[in-house]
Amino acid sequence: TMFKYFFEVPYHNKQDLNRIFPDSVHDSSALHVCSFILSILHQGIFSVSAFIVSVIYLSRFKESSHITLHACTWRPLFLTSLLLADKMWEDKPVRNSSLAKLFPVLSNLELNKMEGEFLGEIRFNVLVTPDLFCSFCEKLLAEQVNDEITRCVNASEYAATLQADQTADAEQAAADQAAVEQASAGKIMNGVKSSDNLGQQHHQVQLHHQQ
């Protein structure tokens, strides 16, 4: 069945696997789920857009397969949908092998297999229109968020990176605008000076003819 492909426990048989993964597999608390997702997003340098698209893919998978996000299935399912979203919507997607290093429970080969099963289940329906994306974001914004999750997100490295990027983008945008303004002003002033010079030359020519 489809469930067995994403049931995480059998994948814990790898040698030298950090005990943190098997020990946390049954932890379905909001704090663990939030912390795990934020850690993967931060370490894999995934965009917020890719994350949102991955949730859309997960919704499609759930509707088609009727598989719930069980404590022992949600991590493999989330990672698979995130990989697919990243590949579909980013110019330089994260490699499967890179994600396998972040979550060593799954090998590169196993992630490839999960991708194939996931895509088959959603019938390769990976299109997300701008309207769908916006409406889905609006639904997310309307959701009530647990205070514990809010604190977890606010204290995360991922949120700090996003904030730093936004600040840097704002500063760059301001610098670009200033450069455009200066360049425009320079061109205008040069144009004015050129016009003045032409006017002076014309006046001198007229005086010369009068003499």
C-alpha atoms as a PDB file:
ATOM      1  CA  THR A   1       0.000   0.000   0.000  1.00  0.00           C
ATOM      2  CA  MET A   2       0.945   3.663  -0.357  1.00  0.00           C
ATOM      3  CA  PHE A   3       1.159   4.046   3.427  1.00  0.00           C
ATOM      4  CA  LYS A   4       4.130   1.682   3.722  1.00  0.00           C
ATOM      5  CA  TYR A   5       6.323   3.810   1.436  1.00  0.00           C
ATOM      6  CA  PHE A   6       6.074   6.774   3.783  1.00  0.00           C
ATOM      7  CA  PHE A   7       5.972   4.908   7.095  1.00  0.00           C
ATOM      8  CA  GLU A   8       9.201   6.136   8.669  1.00  0.00           C
ATOM      9  CA  VAL A   9      10.038   3.472  11.292  1.00  0.00           C
ATOM     10  CA  PRO A  10      11.488   0.790   8.933  1.00  0.00           C
ATOM     11  CA  TYR A  11      13.968   3.380   7.598  1.00  0.00           C
ATOM     12  CA  HIS A  12      15.570   3.659  11.053  1.00  0.00           C
ATOM     13  CA  ASN A  13      17.684   0.553  10.430  1.00  0.00           C
ATOM     14  CA  LYS A  14      20.628   2.544   9.080  1.00  0.00           C
ATOM     15  CA  GLN A  15      23.974   2.151  10.771  1.00  0.00           C
ATOM     16  CA  ASP A  16      25.184   5.113  12.851  1.00  0.00           C
ATOM     17  CA  LEU A  17      21.841   6.913  12.533  1.00  0.00           C
ATOM     18  CA  ASN A  18      21.566   9.622  15.163  1.00  0.00           C
ATOM     19  CA  ARG A  19      19.142   8.496  17.878  1.00  0.00           C
ATOM     20  CA  ILE A  20      17.373  11.849  17.760  1.00  0.00           C
ATOM     21  CA  PHE A  21      15.421  10.703  14.683  1.00  0.00           C
ATOM     22  CA  PRO A  22      14.023   7.390  16.014  1.00  0.00           C
ATOM     23  CA  ASP A  23      13.439   8.910  19.443  1.00  0.00           C
ATOM     24  CA  SER A  24      11.359  11.773  18.034  1.00  0.00           C
ATOM     25  CA  VAL A  25       9.329   9.835  15.457  1.00  0.00           C
ATOM     26  CA  HIS A  26       6.287   9.542  17.737  1.00  0.00           C
ATOM     27  CA  ASP A  27       6.439  13.187  18.840  1.00  0.00           C
ATOM     28  CA  SER A  28       3.525  14.886  17.107  1.00  0.00           C
ATOM     29  CA  SER A  29       3.499  17.948  19.352  1.00  0.00           C
ATOM     30  CA  ALA A  30       3.094  21.373  17.741  1.00  0.00           C
ATOM     31  CA  LEU A  31       6.529  22.393  18.996  1.00  0.00           C
ATOM     32  CA  HIS A  32       8.312  19.399  17.446  1.00  0.00           C
ATOM     33  CA  VAL A  33       6.493  19.693  14.116  1.00  0.00           C
ATOM     34  CA  CYS A  34       7.195  23.422  13.931  1.00  0.00           C
ATOM     35  CA  SER A  35      10.850  23.075  14.979  1.00  0.00           C
ATOM     36  CA  PHE A  36      11.487  20.284  12.480  1.00  0.00           C
ATOM     37  CA  ILE A  37       9.949  22.198   9.566  1.00  0.00           C
ATOM     38  CA  LEU A  38      11.820  25.415  10.425  1.00  0.00           C
ATOM     39  CA  SER A  39      15.104  23.519  10.740  1.00  0.00           C
ATOM     40  CA  ILE A  40      14.703  21.898   7.314  1.00  0.00           C
ATOM     41  CA  LEU A  41      13.661  25.187   5.691  1.00  0.00           C
ATOM     42  CA  HIS A  42      16.628  27.000   7.214  1.00  0.00           C
ATOM     43  CA  GLN A  43      19.329  24.393   6.569  1.00  0.00           C
ATOM     44  CA  GLY A  44      18.077  23.623   3.067  1.00  0.00           C
ATOM     45  CA  ILE A  45      17.638  27.343   2.274  1.00  0.00           C
ATOM     46  CA  PHE A  46      14.087  26.734   1.048  1.00  0.00           C
ATOM     47  CA  SER A  47      11.908  29.699   0.128  1.00  0.00           C
ATOM     48  CA  VAL A  48       8.588  30.482   1.773  1.00  0.00           C
ATOM     49  CA  SER A  49       6.922  30.054  -1.633  1.00  0.00           C
ATOM     50  CA  ALA A  50       8.309  26.526  -2.013  1.00  0.00           C
ATOM     51  CA  PHE A  51       7.057  25.697   1.484  1.00  0.00           C
ATOM     52  CA  ILE A  52       3.541  26.947   0.701  1.00  0.00           C
ATOM     53  CA  VAL A  53       3.445  25.023  -2.598  1.00  0.00           C
ATOM     54  CA  SER A  54       4.574  21.889  -0.740  1.00  0.00           C
ATOM     55  CA  VAL A  55       1.551  22.222   1.576  1.00  0.00           C
ATOM     56  CA  ILE A  56      -0.703  22.474  -1.502  1.00  0.00           C
ATOM     57  CA  TYR A  57       0.887  19.284  -2.853  1.00  0.00           C
ATOM     58  CA  LEU A  58       0.349  17.585   0.511  1.00  0.00           C
ATOM     59  CA  SER A  59      -3.327  18.537   0.391  1.00  0.00           C
ATOM     60  CA  ARG A  60      -3.634  16.980  -3.060  1.00  0.00           C
ATOM     61  CA  PHE A  61      -1.864  13.833  -1.884  1.00  0.00           C
ATOM     62  CA  LYS A  62      -4.151  13.488   1.139  1.00  0.00           C
ATOM     63  CA  GLU A  63      -7.278  13.944  -0.982  1.00  0.00           C
ATOM     64  CA  SER A  64      -6.126  11.311  -3.464  1.00  0.00           C
ATOM     65  CA  SER A  65      -4.589   8.699  -1.141  1.00  0.00           C
ATOM     66  CA  HIS A  66      -6.715   9.289   1.990  1.00  0.00           C
ATOM     67  CA  ILE A  67      -3.490   8.922   3.980  1.00  0.00           C
ATOM     68  CA  THR A  68      -3.471  11.089   7.079  1.00  0.00           C
ATOM     69  CA  LEU A  69      -0.390  12.888   8.346  1.00  0.00           C
ATOM     70  CA  HIS A  70       0.331  10.239  10.951  1.00  0.00           C
ATOM     71  CA  ALA A  71       3.143  10.756  13.477  1.00  0.00           C
ATOM     72  CA  CYS A  72       5.177   8.137  11.591  1.00  0.00           C
ATOM     73  CA  THR A  73       4.435   9.378   8.063  1.00  0.00           C
ATOM     74  CA  TRP A  74       4.348  13.161   8.147  1.00  0.00           C
ATOM     75  CA  ARG A  75       8.108  13.794   8.021  1.00  0.00           C
ATOM     76  CA  PRO A  76       8.767  11.681   4.876  1.00  0.00           C
ATOM     77  CA  LEU A  77       5.630  13.096   3.231  1.00  0.00           C
ATOM     78  CA  PHE A  78       6.552  16.678   4.074  1.00  0.00           C
ATOM     79  CA  LEU A  79      10.123  16.276   2.802  1.00  0.00           C
ATOM     80  CA  THR A  80       8.956  14.641  -0.425  1.00  0.00           C
ATOM     81  CA  SER A  81       6.406  17.370  -1.150  1.00  0.00           C
ATOM     82  CA  LEU A  82       8.963  20.066  -0.298  1.00  0.00           C
ATOM     83  CA  LEU A  83      11.514  18.570  -2.688  1.00  0.00           C
ATOM     84  CA  LEU A  84       8.940  18.447  -5.482  1.00  0.00           C
ATOM     85  CA  ALA A  85       7.794  22.017  -4.841  1.00  0.00           C
ATOM     86  CA  ASP A  86      11.390  23.231  -4.848  1.00  0.00           C
ATOM     87  CA  LYS A  87      12.124  21.450  -8.130  1.00  0.00           C
ATOM     88  CA  MET A  88       8.982  22.761  -9.797  1.00  0.00           C
ATOM     89  CA  TRP A  89       9.276  26.397  -8.748  1.00  0.00           C
ATOM     90  CA  GLU A  90      12.922  27.256  -8.073  1.00  0.00           C
ATOM     91  CA  ASP A  91      15.663  27.896 -10.646  1.00  0.00           C
ATOM     92  CA  LYS A  92      18.292  26.126  -8.531  1.00  0.00           C
ATOM     93  CA  PRO A  93      16.486  23.397  -6.596  1.00  0.00           C
ATOM     94  CA  VAL A  94      17.928  21.480  -3.663  1.00  0.00           C
ATOM     95  CA  ARG A  95      19.328  18.075  -4.603  1.00  0.00           C
ATOM     96  CA  ASN A  96      17.848  14.919  -3.123  1.00  0.00           C
ATOM     97  CA  SER A  97      21.297  13.986  -1.857  1.00  0.00           C
ATOM     98  CA  SER A  98      21.528  17.287   0.031  1.00  0.00           C
ATOM     99  CA  LEU A  99      18.208  16.697   1.747  1.00  0.00           C
ATOM    100  CA  ALA A 100      19.231  13.146   2.587  1.00  0.00           C
ATOM    101  CA  LYS A 101      22.110  14.660   4.553  1.00  0.00           C
ATOM    102  CA  LEU A 102      19.718  16.917   6.467  1.00  0.00           C
ATOM    103  CA  PHE A 103      17.416  13.984   7.212  1.00  0.00           C
ATOM    104  CA  PRO A 104      19.652  10.884   7.111  1.00  0.00           C
ATOM    105  CA  VAL A 105      16.713   8.604   7.937  1.00  0.00           C
ATOM    106  CA  LEU A 106      16.112   8.537   4.170  1.00  0.00           C
ATOM    107  CA  SER A 107      18.737   7.785   1.555  1.00  0.00           C
ATOM    108  CA  ASN A 108      18.927   9.473  -1.830  1.00  0.00           C
ATOM    109  CA  LEU A 109      17.497   6.335  -3.466  1.00  0.00           C
ATOM    110  CA  GLU A 110      14.622   6.175  -0.975  1.00  0.00           C
ATOM    111  CA  LEU A 111      13.765   9.828  -1.551  1.00  0.00           C
ATOM    112  CA  ASN A 112      13.728   9.214  -5.303  1.00  0.00           C
ATOM    113  CA  LYS A 113      11.326   6.314  -4.781  1.00  0.00           C
ATOM    114  CA  MET A 114       9.062   8.433  -2.593  1.00  0.00           C
ATOM    115  CA  GLU A 115       9.034  11.205  -5.172  1.00  0.00           C
ATOM    116  CA  GLY A 116       7.868   8.782  -7.837  1.00  0.00           C
ATOM    117  CA  GLU A 117       5.115   7.368  -5.633  1.00  0.00           C
ATOM    118  CA  PHE A 118       3.990  10.842  -4.561  1.00  0.00           C
ATOM    119  CA  LEU A 119       3.854  12.143  -8.145  1.00  0.00           C
ATOM    120  CA  GLY A 120       1.952   9.077  -9.292  1.00  0.00           C
ATOM    121  CA  GLU A 121      -0.594   9.480  -6.518  1.00  0.00           C
ATOM    122  CA  ILE A 122      -1.315  13.126  -7.418  1.00  0.00           C
ATOM    123  CA  ARG A 123      -1.251  12.167 -11.121  1.00  0.00           C
ATOM    124  CA  PHE A 124       1.626  14.571 -11.791  1.00  0.00           C
ATOM    125  CA  ASN A 125      -0.662  17.496 -10.996  1.00  0.00           C
ATOM    126  CA  VAL A 126       2.081  19.941  -9.974  1.00  0.00           C
ATOM    127  CA  LEU A 127       0.583  23.081 -11.503  1.00  0.00           C
ATOM    128  CA  VAL A 128      -0.198  25.855  -9.029  1.00  0.00           C
ATOM    129  CA  THR A 129      -1.770  28.918 -10.627  1.00  0.00           C
ATOM    130  CA  PRO A 130      -1.165  32.402  -9.171  1.00  0.00           C
ATOM    131  CA  ASP A 131      -4.851  32.618  -8.212  1.00  0.00           C
ATOM    132  CA  LEU A 132      -4.700  29.294  -6.355  1.00  0.00           C
ATOM    133  CA  PHE A 133      -1.491  30.311  -4.608  1.00  0.00           C
ATOM    134  CA  CYS A 134      -2.990  33.626  -3.444  1.00  0.00           C
ATOM    135  CA  SER A 135      -6.271  32.084  -2.296  1.00  0.00           C
ATOM    136  CA  PHE A 136      -4.374  29.389  -0.397  1.00  0.00           C
ATOM    137  CA  CYS A 137      -2.244  32.059   1.319  1.00  0.00           C
ATOM    138  CA  GLU A 138      -5.408  33.908   2.301  1.00  0.00           C
ATOM    139  CA  LYS A 139      -6.783  30.731   3.881  1.00  0.00           C
ATOM    140  CA  LEU A 140      -3.527  30.239   5.786  1.00  0.00           C
ATOM    141  CA  LEU A 141      -3.608  33.811   7.065  1.00  0.00           C
ATOM    142  CA  ALA A 142      -7.161  33.296   8.294  1.00  0.00           C
ATOM    143  CA  GLU A 143      -6.137  30.307  10.433  1.00  0.00           C
ATOM    144  CA  GLN A 144      -5.793  30.675  14.190  1.00  0.00           C
ATOM    145  CA  VAL A 145      -2.148  30.096  15.142  1.00  0.00           C
ATOM    146  CA  ASN A 146      -1.106  28.454  18.396  1.00  0.00           C
ATOM    147  CA  ASP A 147       0.903  30.868  20.582  1.00  0.00           C
ATOM    148  CA  GLU A 148       3.582  28.207  21.007  1.00  0.00           C
ATOM    149  CA  ILE A 149       4.036  28.020  17.239  1.00  0.00           C
ATOM    150  CA  THR A 150       4.232  31.806  16.953  1.00  0.00           C
ATOM    151  CA  ARG A 151       6.982  31.930  19.579  1.00  0.00           C
ATOM    152  CA  CYS A 152       8.818  29.051  17.905  1.00  0.00           C
ATOM    153  CA  VAL A 153       8.765  30.772  14.513  1.00  0.00           C
ATOM    154  CA  ASN A 154       9.776  34.159  15.906  1.00  0.00           C
ATOM    155  CA  ALA A 155      12.752  32.631  17.728  1.00  0.00           C
ATOM    156  CA  SER A 156      13.914  30.536  14.743  1.00  0.00           C
ATOM    157  CA  GLU A 157      17.016  31.048  12.615  1.00  0.00           C
ATOM    158  CA  TYR A 158      14.818  30.779   9.524  1.00  0.00           C
ATOM    159  CA  ALA A 159      12.721  33.791  10.560  1.00  0.00           C
ATOM    160  CA  ALA A 160      15.890  35.732  11.434  1.00  0.00           C
ATOM    161  CA  THR A 161      17.319  34.983   7.976  1.00  0.00           C
ATOM    162  CA  LEU A 162      14.111  36.097   6.286  1.00  0.00           C
ATOM    163  CA  GLN A 163      14.148  39.331   8.280  1.00  0.00           C
ATOM    164  CA  ALA A 164      17.796  39.965   7.375  1.00  0.00           C
ATOM    165  CA  ASP A 165      17.059  39.293   3.699  1.00  0.00           C
ATOM    166  CA  GLN A 166      14.116  41.698   3.762  1.00  0.00           C
ATOM    167  CA  THR A 167      16.276  44.382   5.378  1.00  0.00           C
ATOM    168  CA  ALA A 168      19.025  43.816   2.823  1.00  0.00           C
ATOM    169  CA  ASP A 169      16.497  43.909  -0.026  1.00  0.00           C
ATOM    170  CA  ALA A 170      15.009  47.132   1.318  1.00  0.00           C
ATOM    171  CA  GLU A 171      18.462  48.701   1.602  1.00  0.00           C
ATOM    172  CA  GLN A 172      19.376  47.537  -1.890  1.00  0.00           C
ATOM    173  CA  ALA A 173      16.103  48.866  -3.269  1.00  0.00           C
ATOM    174  CA  ALA A 174      16.754  52.228  -1.576  1.00  0.00           C
ATOM    175  CA  ALA A 175      20.301  52.304  -2.972  1.00  0.00           C
ATOM    176  CA  ASP A 176      19.042  51.414  -6.452  1.00  0.00           C
ATOM    177  CA  GLN A 177      16.394  54.125  -6.274  1.00  0.00           C
ATOM    178  CA  ALA A 178      18.973  56.676  -5.143  1.00  0.00           C
ATOM    179  CA  ALA A 179      21.264  55.651  -7.998  1.00  0.00           C
ATOM    180  CA  VAL A 180      18.434  56.025 -10.506  1.00  0.00           C
ATOM    181  CA  GLU A 181      17.522  59.418  -9.058  1.00  0.00           C
ATOM    182  CA  GLN A 182      21.138  60.581  -9.205  1.00  0.00           C
ATOM    183  CA  ALA A 183      21.573  59.283 -12.730  1.00  0.00           C
ATOM    184  CA  SER A 184      18.332  60.936 -13.816  1.00  0.00           C
ATOM    185  CA  ALA A 185      19.258  64.180 -12.093  1.00  0.00           C
ATOM    186  CA  GLY A 186      22.681  64.061 -13.704  1.00  0.00           C
ATOM    187  CA  LYS A 187      21.201  63.602 -17.152  1.00  0.00           C
ATOM    188  CA  ILE A 188      18.693  66.388 -16.581  1.00  0.00           C
ATOM    189  CA  MET A 189      21.359  68.754 -15.291  1.00  0.00           C
ATOM    190  CA  ASN A 190      23.631  67.913 -18.205  1.00  0.00           C
ATOM    191  CA  GLY A 191      20.701  68.543 -20.508  1.00  0.00           C
ATOM    192  CA  VAL A 192      20.056  71.893 -18.875  1.00  0.00           C
ATOM    193  CA  LYS A 193      23.722  72.848 -19.132  1.00  0.00           C
ATOM    194  CA  SER A 194      23.797  71.776 -22.747  1.00  0.00           C
ATOM    195  CA  SER A 195      20.714  73.884 -23.423  1.00  0.00           C
ATOM    196  CA  ASP A 196      22.324  76.849 -21.652  1.00  0.00           C
ATOM    197  CA  ASN A 197      25.481  76.425 -23.716  1.00  0.00           C
ATOM    198  CA  LEU A 198      23.470  76.309 -26.912  1.00  0.00           C
ATOM    199  CA  GLY A 199      21.606  79.431 -25.834  1.00  0.00           C
ATOM    200  CA  GLN A 200      24.856  81.242 -25.075  1.00  0.00           C
ATOM    201  CA  GLN A 201      26.358  80.150 -28.400  1.00  0.00           C
ATOM    202  CA  HIS A 202      23.259  81.295 -30.266  1.00  0.00           C
ATOM    203  CA  HIS A 203      23.373  84.655 -28.487  1.00  0.00           C
ATOM    204  CA  GLN A 204      27.066  85.054 -29.330  1.00  0.00           C
ATOM    205  CA  VAL A 205      26.372  84.259 -32.999  1.00  0.00           C
ATOM    206  CA  GLN A 206      23.617  86.877 -33.089  1.00  0.00           C
ATOM    207  CA  LEU A 207      25.951  89.495 -31.563  1.00  0.00           C
ATOM    208  CA  HIS A 208      28.638  88.639 -34.086  1.00  0.00           C
ATOM    209  CA  HIS A 209      26.232  89.115 -37.022  1.00  0.00           C
ATOM    210  CA  GLN A 210      25.025  92.431 -35.578  1.00  0.00           C
ATOM    211  CA  GLN A 211      28.611  93.668 -35.393  1.00  0.00           C
END
